[in-house]
Amino acid sequence: MRALVLSAWAFASASAVAIGPLAAQEILKTAADLERECSEGRAAACTRVGVQFAFGTQGRQRDYQKARGFLEKGCAGRDANGCKELGVLYEYGRGVPKNPGEALRLYKIGCQGGVALACQYAARLAR
């Protein structure tokens, strides 16, 4: 356990140097903090929670239905990355019916919001 705490501290310290102290604090936010921020309307927090559920990270069990709900909130709140991640669920049928057309629509929103990966995914699906 001590090694895990030291690893987290070392990561946060290195991150603070590389990306700044506020960004490092964002990385170490707890699941409860993110869910609270999402409920307060922070779209990026909704997206992060959705991604955690989609991948089963940060102590969360993989749950595509929960991921979908949080990613929908992120996308509706104009978080372009949330739209891209929601598009992934639709493209592969994870927690939603597989729907390449909806995935493409969501990728385009993400792309218009400046998410380069969403642009790549949209181009791939449009072929």
N, C-alpha and C. Protein backbone atom coordinates (compact mmCIF):
# COMPACT_ATOMS: atom_id res chain seq x y z
N MET A 1 0.83 -1.19 0.00
CA MET A 1 0.00 0.00 0.00
C MET A 1 0.88 1.25 0.00
N ARG A 2 1.94 1.22 0.82
CA ARG A 2 2.84 2.37 0.90
C ARG A 2 3.43 2.66 -0.48
N ALA A 3 3.79 1.62 -1.23
CA ALA A 3 4.37 1.82 -2.56
C ALA A 3 3.35 2.47 -3.50
N LEU A 4 2.09 2.07 -3.37
CA LEU A 4 1.05 2.65 -4.20
C LEU A 4 0.88 4.13 -3.91
N VAL A 5 0.88 4.49 -2.63
CA VAL A 5 0.75 5.89 -2.24
C VAL A 5 1.95 6.69 -2.75
N LEU A 6 3.14 6.12 -2.60
CA LEU A 6 4.33 6.80 -3.09
C LEU A 6 4.29 6.94 -4.61
N SER A 7 3.80 5.91 -5.30
CA SER A 7 3.70 5.99 -6.75
C SER A 7 2.75 7.10 -7.17
N ALA A 8 1.61 7.19 -6.50
CA ALA A 8 0.65 8.25 -6.81
C ALA A 8 1.26 9.61 -6.54
N TRP A 9 1.98 9.73 -5.43
CA TRP A 9 2.61 11.00 -5.10
C TRP A 9 3.67 11.36 -6.14
N ALA A 10 4.48 10.37 -6.53
CA ALA A 10 5.52 10.62 -7.52
C ALA A 10 4.90 11.03 -8.85
N PHE A 11 3.82 10.36 -9.23
CA PHE A 11 3.14 10.69 -10.48
C PHE A 11 2.60 12.11 -10.42
N ALA A 12 1.95 12.45 -9.29
CA ALA A 12 1.40 13.80 -9.15
C ALA A 12 2.50 14.84 -9.17
N SER A 13 3.61 14.53 -8.52
CA SER A 13 4.73 15.48 -8.49
C SER A 13 5.30 15.68 -9.88
N ALA A 14 5.51 14.57 -10.61
CA ALA A 14 6.03 14.69 -11.96
C ALA A 14 5.04 15.41 -12.86
N SER A 15 3.76 15.12 -12.66
CA SER A 15 2.73 15.78 -13.47
C SER A 15 2.70 17.26 -13.18
N ALA A 16 2.86 17.64 -11.92
CA ALA A 16 2.83 19.05 -11.56
C ALA A 16 3.95 19.80 -12.26
N VAL A 17 5.10 19.17 -12.38
CA VAL A 17 6.21 19.81 -13.07
C VAL A 17 5.91 19.88 -14.57
N ALA A 18 5.38 18.78 -15.12
CA ALA A 18 5.17 18.72 -16.56
C ALA A 18 3.96 19.50 -17.04
N ILE A 19 2.86 19.46 -16.25
CA ILE A 19 1.62 20.07 -16.74
C ILE A 19 1.04 21.11 -15.79
N GLY A 20 1.69 21.35 -14.69
CA GLY A 20 1.22 22.37 -13.76
C GLY A 20 0.48 21.77 -12.59
N PRO A 21 0.50 22.46 -11.44
CA PRO A 21 -0.09 21.90 -10.22
C PRO A 21 -1.60 21.72 -10.29
N LEU A 22 -2.32 22.61 -10.96
CA LEU A 22 -3.77 22.46 -11.03
C LEU A 22 -4.16 21.24 -11.84
N ALA A 23 -3.46 20.99 -12.94
CA ALA A 23 -3.76 19.82 -13.75
C ALA A 23 -3.45 18.54 -12.97
N ALA A 24 -2.38 18.54 -12.19
CA ALA A 24 -2.05 17.36 -11.38
C ALA A 24 -3.15 17.10 -10.36
N GLN A 25 -3.72 18.14 -9.77
CA GLN A 25 -4.83 17.96 -8.83
C GLN A 25 -6.03 17.35 -9.53
N GLU A 26 -6.27 17.73 -10.78
CA GLU A 26 -7.37 17.15 -11.55
C GLU A 26 -7.19 15.64 -11.70
N ILE A 27 -5.96 15.19 -11.94
CA ILE A 27 -5.68 13.77 -12.15
C ILE A 27 -6.03 12.97 -10.90
N LEU A 28 -5.78 13.54 -9.73
CA LEU A 28 -5.95 12.80 -8.48
C LEU A 28 -7.34 12.95 -7.86
N LYS A 29 -8.28 13.55 -8.56
CA LYS A 29 -9.62 13.68 -8.01
C LYS A 29 -10.24 12.32 -7.77
N THR A 30 -11.01 12.21 -6.71
CA THR A 30 -11.66 10.95 -6.39
C THR A 30 -12.91 10.77 -7.24
N ALA A 31 -13.37 9.54 -7.27
CA ALA A 31 -14.60 9.24 -8.01
C ALA A 31 -15.76 10.07 -7.47
N ALA A 32 -15.83 10.20 -6.16
CA ALA A 32 -16.93 10.98 -5.55
C ALA A 32 -16.85 12.44 -5.96
N ASP A 33 -15.63 12.99 -6.00
CA ASP A 33 -15.45 14.38 -6.44
C ASP A 33 -15.97 14.57 -7.86
N LEU A 34 -15.62 13.64 -8.74
CA LEU A 34 -16.03 13.76 -10.14
C LEU A 34 -17.53 13.64 -10.29
N GLU A 35 -18.15 12.71 -9.57
CA GLU A 35 -19.60 12.57 -9.67
C GLU A 35 -20.31 13.81 -9.14
N ARG A 36 -19.77 14.39 -8.06
CA ARG A 36 -20.35 15.62 -7.52
C ARG A 36 -20.23 16.74 -8.54
N GLU A 37 -19.06 16.89 -9.14
CA GLU A 37 -18.85 17.94 -10.14
C GLU A 37 -19.77 17.73 -11.35
N CYS A 38 -19.96 16.49 -11.72
CA CYS A 38 -20.88 16.19 -12.83
C CYS A 38 -22.29 16.64 -12.46
N SER A 39 -22.72 16.32 -11.24
CA SER A 39 -24.08 16.70 -10.83
C SER A 39 -24.23 18.22 -10.73
N GLU A 40 -23.11 18.92 -10.59
CA GLU A 40 -23.12 20.38 -10.55
C GLU A 40 -23.02 20.99 -11.94
N GLY A 41 -22.96 20.15 -12.98
CA GLY A 41 -22.98 20.66 -14.33
C GLY A 41 -21.65 20.75 -15.05
N ARG A 42 -20.57 20.23 -14.47
CA ARG A 42 -19.27 20.24 -15.15
C ARG A 42 -19.21 19.09 -16.14
N ALA A 43 -19.40 19.39 -17.39
CA ALA A 43 -19.49 18.36 -18.43
C ALA A 43 -18.23 17.50 -18.51
N ALA A 44 -17.06 18.10 -18.36
CA ALA A 44 -15.82 17.32 -18.45
C ALA A 44 -15.75 16.28 -17.35
N ALA A 45 -16.28 16.60 -16.17
CA ALA A 45 -16.31 15.62 -15.08
C ALA A 45 -17.23 14.46 -15.43
N CYS A 46 -18.36 14.76 -16.06
CA CYS A 46 -19.29 13.70 -16.49
C CYS A 46 -18.59 12.77 -17.47
N THR A 47 -17.85 13.35 -18.39
CA THR A 47 -17.12 12.55 -19.37
C THR A 47 -16.10 11.65 -18.69
N ARG A 48 -15.35 12.19 -17.74
CA ARG A 48 -14.34 11.39 -17.05
C ARG A 48 -14.97 10.22 -16.33
N VAL A 49 -16.11 10.45 -15.65
CA VAL A 49 -16.80 9.36 -14.96
C VAL A 49 -17.28 8.33 -15.98
N GLY A 50 -17.83 8.80 -17.09
CA GLY A 50 -18.28 7.88 -18.13
C GLY A 50 -17.16 7.00 -18.66
N VAL A 51 -16.01 7.59 -18.89
CA VAL A 51 -14.85 6.83 -19.38
C VAL A 51 -14.42 5.81 -18.32
N GLN A 52 -14.44 6.21 -17.05
CA GLN A 52 -14.07 5.28 -15.99
C GLN A 52 -15.00 4.06 -15.98
N PHE A 53 -16.31 4.29 -16.15
CA PHE A 53 -17.24 3.16 -16.21
C PHE A 53 -17.04 2.34 -17.48
N ALA A 54 -16.77 2.98 -18.60
CA ALA A 54 -16.58 2.26 -19.86
C ALA A 54 -15.37 1.33 -19.81
N PHE A 55 -14.31 1.78 -19.15
CA PHE A 55 -13.09 0.99 -19.10
C PHE A 55 -12.91 0.21 -17.81
N GLY A 56 -13.76 0.46 -16.82
CA GLY A 56 -13.62 -0.22 -15.53
C GLY A 56 -12.36 0.20 -14.80
N THR A 57 -12.09 1.52 -14.79
CA THR A 57 -10.90 2.04 -14.12
C THR A 57 -11.27 2.84 -12.88
N GLN A 58 -10.26 3.26 -12.14
CA GLN A 58 -10.43 4.08 -10.94
C GLN A 58 -11.36 3.40 -9.93
N GLY A 59 -11.29 2.09 -9.83
CA GLY A 59 -12.07 1.35 -8.85
C GLY A 59 -13.52 1.12 -9.25
N ARG A 60 -13.88 1.48 -10.46
CA ARG A 60 -15.26 1.28 -10.92
C ARG A 60 -15.35 -0.03 -11.71
N GLN A 61 -16.47 -0.72 -11.55
CA GLN A 61 -16.73 -1.90 -12.37
C GLN A 61 -17.16 -1.44 -13.76
N ARG A 62 -16.73 -2.16 -14.78
CA ARG A 62 -17.15 -1.81 -16.14
C ARG A 62 -18.67 -1.91 -16.22
N ASP A 63 -19.28 -0.82 -16.66
CA ASP A 63 -20.74 -0.76 -16.77
C ASP A 63 -21.07 0.20 -17.90
N TYR A 64 -21.39 -0.36 -19.07
CA TYR A 64 -21.63 0.47 -20.24
C TYR A 64 -22.89 1.31 -20.13
N GLN A 65 -23.88 0.82 -19.39
CA GLN A 65 -25.11 1.62 -19.22
C GLN A 65 -24.81 2.88 -18.42
N LYS A 66 -24.05 2.74 -17.34
CA LYS A 66 -23.67 3.92 -16.56
C LYS A 66 -22.76 4.83 -17.38
N ALA A 67 -21.85 4.21 -18.12
CA ALA A 67 -20.95 5.00 -18.98
C ALA A 67 -21.78 5.84 -19.94
N ARG A 68 -22.76 5.22 -20.56
CA ARG A 68 -23.62 5.94 -21.51
C ARG A 68 -24.28 7.15 -20.86
N GLY A 69 -24.85 6.96 -19.68
CA GLY A 69 -25.53 8.06 -19.00
C GLY A 69 -24.61 9.24 -18.73
N PHE A 70 -23.41 8.94 -18.22
CA PHE A 70 -22.47 10.03 -17.93
C PHE A 70 -21.94 10.67 -19.21
N LEU A 71 -21.68 9.86 -20.22
CA LEU A 71 -21.17 10.43 -21.48
C LEU A 71 -22.23 11.26 -22.18
N GLU A 72 -23.49 10.86 -22.08
CA GLU A 72 -24.57 11.69 -22.64
C GLU A 72 -24.60 13.05 -21.95
N LYS A 73 -24.42 13.06 -20.63
CA LYS A 73 -24.39 14.35 -19.90
C LYS A 73 -23.19 15.18 -20.35
N GLY A 74 -22.04 14.53 -20.50
CA GLY A 74 -20.85 15.24 -20.95
C GLY A 74 -21.04 15.85 -22.32
N CYS A 75 -21.57 15.07 -23.23
CA CYS A 75 -21.78 15.54 -24.60
C CYS A 75 -22.83 16.65 -24.64
N ALA A 76 -23.92 16.45 -23.91
CA ALA A 76 -24.98 17.47 -23.87
C ALA A 76 -24.47 18.77 -23.26
N GLY A 77 -23.47 18.65 -22.38
CA GLY A 77 -22.88 19.83 -21.76
C GLY A 77 -21.77 20.45 -22.58
N ARG A 78 -21.64 20.01 -23.83
CA ARG A 78 -20.69 20.54 -24.80
C ARG A 78 -19.23 20.16 -24.53
N ASP A 79 -19.04 18.99 -23.91
CA ASP A 79 -17.68 18.46 -23.79
C ASP A 79 -17.44 17.59 -25.02
N ALA A 80 -16.62 18.08 -25.93
CA ALA A 80 -16.40 17.40 -27.21
C ALA A 80 -15.85 16.00 -27.03
N ASN A 81 -15.02 15.79 -26.02
CA ASN A 81 -14.48 14.47 -25.77
C ASN A 81 -15.59 13.51 -25.33
N GLY A 82 -16.57 14.02 -24.60
CA GLY A 82 -17.72 13.21 -24.21
C GLY A 82 -18.48 12.71 -25.43
N CYS A 83 -18.61 13.57 -26.42
CA CYS A 83 -19.30 13.17 -27.66
C CYS A 83 -18.51 12.09 -28.38
N LYS A 84 -17.19 12.27 -28.43
CA LYS A 84 -16.34 11.26 -29.08
C LYS A 84 -16.45 9.93 -28.36
N GLU A 85 -16.38 9.94 -27.04
CA GLU A 85 -16.45 8.69 -26.27
C GLU A 85 -17.83 8.03 -26.40
N LEU A 86 -18.88 8.83 -26.44
CA LEU A 86 -20.22 8.28 -26.64
C LEU A 86 -20.32 7.66 -28.03
N GLY A 87 -19.67 8.28 -29.00
CA GLY A 87 -19.62 7.72 -30.34
C GLY A 87 -18.99 6.34 -30.37
N VAL A 88 -17.97 6.14 -29.56
CA VAL A 88 -17.32 4.83 -29.49
C VAL A 88 -18.32 3.78 -29.01
N LEU A 89 -19.13 4.12 -28.00
CA LEU A 89 -20.13 3.17 -27.53
C LEU A 89 -21.09 2.79 -28.66
N TYR A 90 -21.52 3.78 -29.43
CA TYR A 90 -22.45 3.50 -30.53
C TYR A 90 -21.77 2.73 -31.67
N GLU A 91 -20.54 3.05 -31.95
CA GLU A 91 -19.86 2.35 -33.03
C GLU A 91 -19.73 0.85 -32.75
N TYR A 92 -19.43 0.52 -31.51
CA TYR A 92 -19.17 -0.88 -31.17
C TYR A 92 -20.33 -1.56 -30.44
N GLY A 93 -21.43 -0.84 -30.23
CA GLY A 93 -22.58 -1.44 -29.56
C GLY A 93 -22.32 -1.78 -28.11
N ARG A 94 -21.71 -0.90 -27.39
CA ARG A 94 -21.40 -1.11 -25.97
C ARG A 94 -22.43 -0.37 -25.12
N GLY A 95 -23.41 -1.10 -24.60
CA GLY A 95 -24.44 -0.49 -23.77
C GLY A 95 -25.54 0.20 -24.55
N VAL A 96 -25.41 0.19 -25.85
CA VAL A 96 -26.40 0.78 -26.77
C VAL A 96 -26.44 -0.11 -28.00
N PRO A 97 -27.52 -0.03 -28.78
CA PRO A 97 -27.50 -0.78 -30.04
C PRO A 97 -26.40 -0.24 -30.96
N LYS A 98 -25.72 -1.13 -31.65
CA LYS A 98 -24.67 -0.71 -32.58
C LYS A 98 -25.30 0.18 -33.64
N ASN A 99 -24.72 1.39 -33.82
CA ASN A 99 -25.32 2.35 -34.74
C ASN A 99 -24.21 3.23 -35.33
N PRO A 100 -23.59 2.80 -36.43
CA PRO A 100 -22.51 3.58 -37.03
C PRO A 100 -22.92 4.99 -37.43
N GLY A 101 -24.18 5.18 -37.84
CA GLY A 101 -24.63 6.52 -38.21
C GLY A 101 -24.63 7.46 -37.02
N GLU A 102 -25.09 6.99 -35.89
CA GLU A 102 -25.08 7.81 -34.67
C GLU A 102 -23.65 8.05 -34.21
N ALA A 103 -22.81 7.01 -34.33
CA ALA A 103 -21.40 7.17 -33.97
C ALA A 103 -20.76 8.27 -34.81
N LEU A 104 -21.02 8.25 -36.12
CA LEU A 104 -20.46 9.25 -37.01
C LEU A 104 -20.93 10.65 -36.63
N ARG A 105 -22.21 10.79 -36.32
CA ARG A 105 -22.76 12.09 -35.91
C ARG A 105 -22.04 12.61 -34.66
N LEU A 106 -21.84 11.72 -33.69
CA LEU A 106 -21.18 12.11 -32.44
C LEU A 106 -19.70 12.41 -32.66
N TYR A 107 -19.04 11.63 -33.51
CA TYR A 107 -17.64 11.91 -33.83
C TYR A 107 -17.50 13.28 -34.49
N LYS A 108 -18.44 13.63 -35.35
CA LYS A 108 -18.38 14.94 -36.02
C LYS A 108 -18.53 16.07 -35.00
N ILE A 109 -19.39 15.88 -34.02
CA ILE A 109 -19.53 16.90 -32.96
C ILE A 109 -18.21 17.03 -32.21
N GLY A 110 -17.62 15.89 -31.86
CA GLY A 110 -16.33 15.91 -31.17
C GLY A 110 -15.25 16.57 -32.00
N CYS A 111 -15.25 16.29 -33.29
CA CYS A 111 -14.27 16.88 -34.20
C CYS A 111 -14.45 18.39 -34.27
N GLN A 112 -15.70 18.84 -34.42
CA GLN A 112 -15.98 20.27 -34.46
C GLN A 112 -15.57 20.96 -33.16
N GLY A 113 -15.56 20.18 -32.06
CA GLY A 113 -15.15 20.72 -30.77
C GLY A 113 -13.65 20.68 -30.54
N GLY A 114 -12.91 20.20 -31.53
CA GLY A 114 -11.45 20.25 -31.44
C GLY A 114 -10.78 18.96 -31.00
N VAL A 115 -11.49 17.85 -30.96
CA VAL A 115 -10.89 16.58 -30.57
C VAL A 115 -10.37 15.87 -31.83
N ALA A 116 -9.06 15.88 -32.01
CA ALA A 116 -8.46 15.35 -33.23
C ALA A 116 -8.81 13.88 -33.44
N LEU A 117 -8.84 13.10 -32.38
CA LEU A 117 -9.15 11.68 -32.52
C LEU A 117 -10.57 11.48 -33.03
N ALA A 118 -11.48 12.36 -32.64
CA ALA A 118 -12.85 12.28 -33.15
C ALA A 118 -12.87 12.52 -34.66
N CYS A 119 -12.02 13.41 -35.13
CA CYS A 119 -11.92 13.66 -36.58
C CYS A 119 -11.43 12.42 -37.30
N GLN A 120 -10.45 11.74 -36.73
CA GLN A 120 -9.93 10.52 -37.33
C GLN A 120 -10.99 9.43 -37.36
N TYR A 121 -11.72 9.29 -36.26
CA TYR A 121 -12.77 8.26 -36.20
C TYR A 121 -13.87 8.58 -37.21
N ALA A 122 -14.24 9.86 -37.33
CA ALA A 122 -15.27 10.24 -38.29
C ALA A 122 -14.83 9.94 -39.71
N ALA A 123 -13.59 10.26 -40.03
CA ALA A 123 -13.07 9.99 -41.38
C ALA A 123 -13.07 8.50 -41.67
N ARG A 124 -12.71 7.69 -40.69
CA ARG A 124 -12.69 6.25 -40.87
C ARG A 124 -14.09 5.71 -41.13
N LEU A 125 -15.07 6.18 -40.37
CA LEU A 125 -16.44 5.70 -40.54
C LEU A 125 -17.10 6.21 -41.82
N ALA A 126 -16.69 7.37 -42.28
CA ALA A 126 -17.31 7.97 -43.46
C ALA A 126 -16.90 7.26 -44.75
N ARG A 127 -15.86 6.45 -44.69
CA ARG A 127 -15.40 5.75 -45.90
C ARG A 127 -16.39 4.77 -46.40
